[in-house]
Amino acid sequence: MTTEHAETTTALYAIDVTGLTRYKSPLSTNNDSCVELKDLPGGGRVVYDSKDLSRPSLRFGAAAWDALEDAIRDGLI
């Protein structure tokens, strides 16, 4: 991990998300394989496992989120 990447990741996790609205991902399926999201300022996302909200969240900056969505749509993951 580069220093720049580590600083960006630290900044994402420093954002207070308690006041942001959580919603079900439009990419989720109806078979209990779903995640919930919160939109971060600048286009990033916070991702939660909707089956176990006590688990740690994942945070993505805007570019990383866009790349993840593209990979899912393209069937790469």
N, C-alpha and C. Protein backbone atom coordinates (compact mmCIF):
# COMPACT_ATOMS: atom_id res chain seq x y z
N MET A 1 0.86 -1.17 0.00
CA MET A 1 0.00 0.00 0.00
C MET A 1 0.90 1.23 0.00
N THR A 2 0.62 2.16 -0.88
CA THR A 2 1.40 3.39 -0.93
C THR A 2 0.99 4.32 0.20
N THR A 3 1.86 5.26 0.50
CA THR A 3 1.54 6.24 1.54
C THR A 3 0.30 7.03 1.16
N GLU A 4 0.20 7.41 -0.13
CA GLU A 4 -0.97 8.16 -0.59
C GLU A 4 -2.25 7.36 -0.39
N HIS A 5 -2.21 6.06 -0.72
CA HIS A 5 -3.38 5.19 -0.56
C HIS A 5 -3.76 5.07 0.90
N ALA A 6 -2.76 4.90 1.76
CA ALA A 6 -3.03 4.77 3.19
C ALA A 6 -3.66 6.03 3.75
N GLU A 7 -3.18 7.19 3.31
CA GLU A 7 -3.76 8.45 3.78
C GLU A 7 -5.19 8.61 3.29
N THR A 8 -5.46 8.21 2.06
CA THR A 8 -6.81 8.30 1.51
C THR A 8 -7.75 7.37 2.29
N THR A 9 -7.30 6.16 2.55
CA THR A 9 -8.10 5.21 3.31
C THR A 9 -8.37 5.73 4.72
N THR A 10 -7.36 6.28 5.36
CA THR A 10 -7.54 6.85 6.69
C THR A 10 -8.56 7.98 6.66
N ALA A 11 -8.49 8.82 5.63
CA ALA A 11 -9.43 9.94 5.50
C ALA A 11 -10.86 9.43 5.32
N LEU A 12 -11.05 8.37 4.54
CA LEU A 12 -12.39 7.81 4.34
C LEU A 12 -12.98 7.32 5.66
N TYR A 13 -12.17 6.67 6.48
CA TYR A 13 -12.67 6.13 7.75
C TYR A 13 -12.79 7.21 8.82
N ALA A 14 -12.24 8.39 8.57
CA ALA A 14 -12.36 9.49 9.52
C ALA A 14 -13.68 10.25 9.36
N ILE A 15 -14.38 10.03 8.26
CA ILE A 15 -15.64 10.72 8.00
C ILE A 15 -16.73 10.18 8.93
N ASP A 16 -17.40 11.07 9.63
CA ASP A 16 -18.51 10.68 10.51
C ASP A 16 -19.74 10.41 9.65
N VAL A 17 -20.19 9.17 9.65
CA VAL A 17 -21.31 8.78 8.79
C VAL A 17 -22.61 8.57 9.57
N THR A 18 -22.63 8.90 10.85
CA THR A 18 -23.81 8.61 11.67
C THR A 18 -25.06 9.33 11.17
N GLY A 19 -24.93 10.49 10.56
CA GLY A 19 -26.10 11.22 10.08
C GLY A 19 -26.50 10.91 8.65
N LEU A 20 -25.76 10.03 7.98
CA LEU A 20 -26.06 9.70 6.59
C LEU A 20 -27.10 8.59 6.52
N THR A 21 -27.94 8.64 5.52
CA THR A 21 -29.02 7.66 5.35
C THR A 21 -28.48 6.38 4.71
N ARG A 22 -28.82 5.25 5.32
CA ARG A 22 -28.44 3.94 4.77
C ARG A 22 -29.58 3.42 3.89
N TYR A 23 -29.22 2.83 2.75
CA TYR A 23 -30.23 2.28 1.83
C TYR A 23 -29.72 0.99 1.21
N LYS A 24 -30.65 0.16 0.73
CA LYS A 24 -30.29 -1.10 0.10
C LYS A 24 -29.68 -0.84 -1.26
N SER A 25 -28.61 -1.53 -1.56
CA SER A 25 -27.94 -1.36 -2.85
C SER A 25 -28.83 -1.81 -3.99
N PRO A 26 -28.87 -1.04 -5.09
CA PRO A 26 -29.63 -1.49 -6.26
C PRO A 26 -28.98 -2.70 -6.92
N LEU A 27 -27.74 -3.02 -6.57
CA LEU A 27 -27.07 -4.20 -7.13
C LEU A 27 -27.34 -5.46 -6.31
N SER A 28 -28.04 -5.33 -5.20
CA SER A 28 -28.34 -6.47 -4.35
C SER A 28 -29.41 -7.34 -4.99
N THR A 29 -29.39 -8.61 -4.60
CA THR A 29 -30.40 -9.54 -5.08
C THR A 29 -31.45 -9.75 -4.00
N ASN A 30 -32.49 -10.46 -4.31
CA ASN A 30 -33.57 -10.71 -3.35
C ASN A 30 -33.39 -12.02 -2.60
N ASN A 31 -32.20 -12.62 -2.64
CA ASN A 31 -32.01 -13.92 -1.99
C ASN A 31 -31.12 -13.80 -0.74
N ASP A 32 -31.27 -12.72 -0.01
CA ASP A 32 -30.50 -12.47 1.21
C ASP A 32 -29.04 -12.13 0.95
N SER A 33 -28.66 -11.95 -0.30
CA SER A 33 -27.30 -11.53 -0.62
C SER A 33 -27.33 -10.03 -0.90
N CYS A 34 -27.52 -9.26 0.14
CA CYS A 34 -27.63 -7.83 -0.10
C CYS A 34 -26.74 -7.03 0.82
N VAL A 35 -26.43 -5.86 0.35
CA VAL A 35 -25.64 -4.93 1.14
C VAL A 35 -26.42 -3.63 1.25
N GLU A 36 -26.10 -2.87 2.27
CA GLU A 36 -26.68 -1.54 2.44
C GLU A 36 -25.56 -0.53 2.30
N LEU A 37 -25.91 0.64 1.82
CA LEU A 37 -24.93 1.67 1.50
C LEU A 37 -25.25 2.99 2.17
N LYS A 38 -24.23 3.80 2.33
CA LYS A 38 -24.39 5.21 2.65
C LYS A 38 -23.51 5.96 1.65
N ASP A 39 -24.02 7.05 1.12
CA ASP A 39 -23.26 7.87 0.19
C ASP A 39 -22.33 8.80 0.96
N LEU A 40 -21.06 8.81 0.57
CA LEU A 40 -20.09 9.71 1.16
C LEU A 40 -19.97 10.98 0.33
N PRO A 41 -19.56 12.06 0.93
CA PRO A 41 -19.29 13.27 0.16
C PRO A 41 -18.23 12.96 -0.91
N GLY A 42 -18.42 13.46 -2.10
CA GLY A 42 -17.45 13.24 -3.17
C GLY A 42 -17.69 11.99 -3.98
N GLY A 43 -18.77 11.25 -3.70
CA GLY A 43 -19.12 10.09 -4.52
C GLY A 43 -18.70 8.74 -3.99
N GLY A 44 -18.05 8.69 -2.85
CA GLY A 44 -17.68 7.40 -2.28
C GLY A 44 -18.88 6.73 -1.63
N ARG A 45 -18.67 5.51 -1.13
CA ARG A 45 -19.74 4.76 -0.49
C ARG A 45 -19.22 4.04 0.75
N VAL A 46 -20.11 3.86 1.72
CA VAL A 46 -19.88 2.98 2.86
C VAL A 46 -20.76 1.77 2.61
N VAL A 47 -20.20 0.57 2.77
CA VAL A 47 -20.92 -0.67 2.49
C VAL A 47 -21.08 -1.47 3.77
N TYR A 48 -22.31 -1.92 4.02
CA TYR A 48 -22.63 -2.73 5.20
C TYR A 48 -23.23 -4.06 4.76
N ASP A 49 -22.94 -5.11 5.51
CA ASP A 49 -23.58 -6.41 5.32
C ASP A 49 -24.95 -6.33 5.98
N SER A 50 -26.02 -6.33 5.20
CA SER A 50 -27.36 -6.13 5.77
C SER A 50 -27.82 -7.30 6.64
N LYS A 51 -27.18 -8.45 6.53
CA LYS A 51 -27.54 -9.59 7.38
C LYS A 51 -26.90 -9.48 8.76
N ASP A 52 -25.82 -8.69 8.86
CA ASP A 52 -25.13 -8.55 10.14
C ASP A 52 -24.52 -7.15 10.22
N LEU A 53 -25.35 -6.18 10.63
CA LEU A 53 -24.91 -4.79 10.67
C LEU A 53 -23.87 -4.53 11.76
N SER A 54 -23.61 -5.51 12.61
CA SER A 54 -22.57 -5.33 13.63
C SER A 54 -21.17 -5.52 13.05
N ARG A 55 -21.09 -6.11 11.86
CA ARG A 55 -19.79 -6.30 11.21
C ARG A 55 -19.23 -4.96 10.76
N PRO A 56 -17.91 -4.85 10.66
CA PRO A 56 -17.32 -3.58 10.21
C PRO A 56 -17.76 -3.23 8.79
N SER A 57 -17.86 -1.95 8.53
CA SER A 57 -18.21 -1.48 7.20
C SER A 57 -16.96 -1.41 6.33
N LEU A 58 -17.18 -1.35 5.04
CA LEU A 58 -16.11 -1.08 4.08
C LEU A 58 -16.36 0.29 3.48
N ARG A 59 -15.31 1.03 3.23
CA ARG A 59 -15.47 2.36 2.64
C ARG A 59 -14.66 2.45 1.35
N PHE A 60 -15.30 3.02 0.34
CA PHE A 60 -14.69 3.17 -0.98
C PHE A 60 -14.72 4.63 -1.39
N GLY A 61 -13.62 5.14 -1.90
CA GLY A 61 -13.63 6.45 -2.53
C GLY A 61 -14.38 6.35 -3.85
N ALA A 62 -14.65 7.49 -4.48
CA ALA A 62 -15.46 7.51 -5.70
C ALA A 62 -14.86 6.67 -6.82
N ALA A 63 -13.57 6.79 -7.08
CA ALA A 63 -12.94 6.04 -8.17
C ALA A 63 -12.97 4.54 -7.90
N ALA A 64 -12.69 4.15 -6.65
CA ALA A 64 -12.72 2.73 -6.30
C ALA A 64 -14.13 2.17 -6.41
N TRP A 65 -15.14 2.96 -6.00
CA TRP A 65 -16.52 2.51 -6.09
C TRP A 65 -16.93 2.33 -7.55
N ASP A 66 -16.58 3.29 -8.40
CA ASP A 66 -16.89 3.17 -9.83
C ASP A 66 -16.24 1.93 -10.44
N ALA A 67 -14.99 1.66 -10.07
CA ALA A 67 -14.29 0.48 -10.59
C ALA A 67 -14.97 -0.81 -10.11
N LEU A 68 -15.41 -0.83 -8.86
CA LEU A 68 -16.11 -2.00 -8.33
C LEU A 68 -17.43 -2.23 -9.07
N GLU A 69 -18.20 -1.17 -9.26
CA GLU A 69 -19.47 -1.31 -9.99
C GLU A 69 -19.23 -1.81 -11.41
N ASP A 70 -18.21 -1.28 -12.09
CA ASP A 70 -17.90 -1.72 -13.45
C ASP A 70 -17.53 -3.21 -13.47
N ALA A 71 -16.74 -3.64 -12.51
CA ALA A 71 -16.32 -5.04 -12.44
C ALA A 71 -17.52 -5.96 -12.20
N ILE A 72 -18.44 -5.53 -11.35
CA ILE A 72 -19.64 -6.34 -11.09
C ILE A 72 -20.49 -6.42 -12.35
N ARG A 73 -20.74 -5.28 -12.98
CA ARG A 73 -21.56 -5.27 -14.21
C ARG A 73 -20.95 -6.08 -15.34
N ASP A 74 -19.60 -6.08 -15.40
CA ASP A 74 -18.90 -6.82 -16.46
C ASP A 74 -18.72 -8.29 -16.13
N GLY A 75 -19.22 -8.71 -14.97
CA GLY A 75 -19.14 -10.12 -14.58
C GLY A 75 -17.75 -10.55 -14.16
N LEU A 76 -16.90 -9.61 -13.82
CA LEU A 76 -15.54 -9.95 -13.41
C LEU A 76 -15.45 -10.43 -11.98
N ILE A 77 -16.44 -10.01 -11.16
CA ILE A 77 -16.49 -10.50 -9.77
C ILE A 77 -17.93 -10.78 -9.39
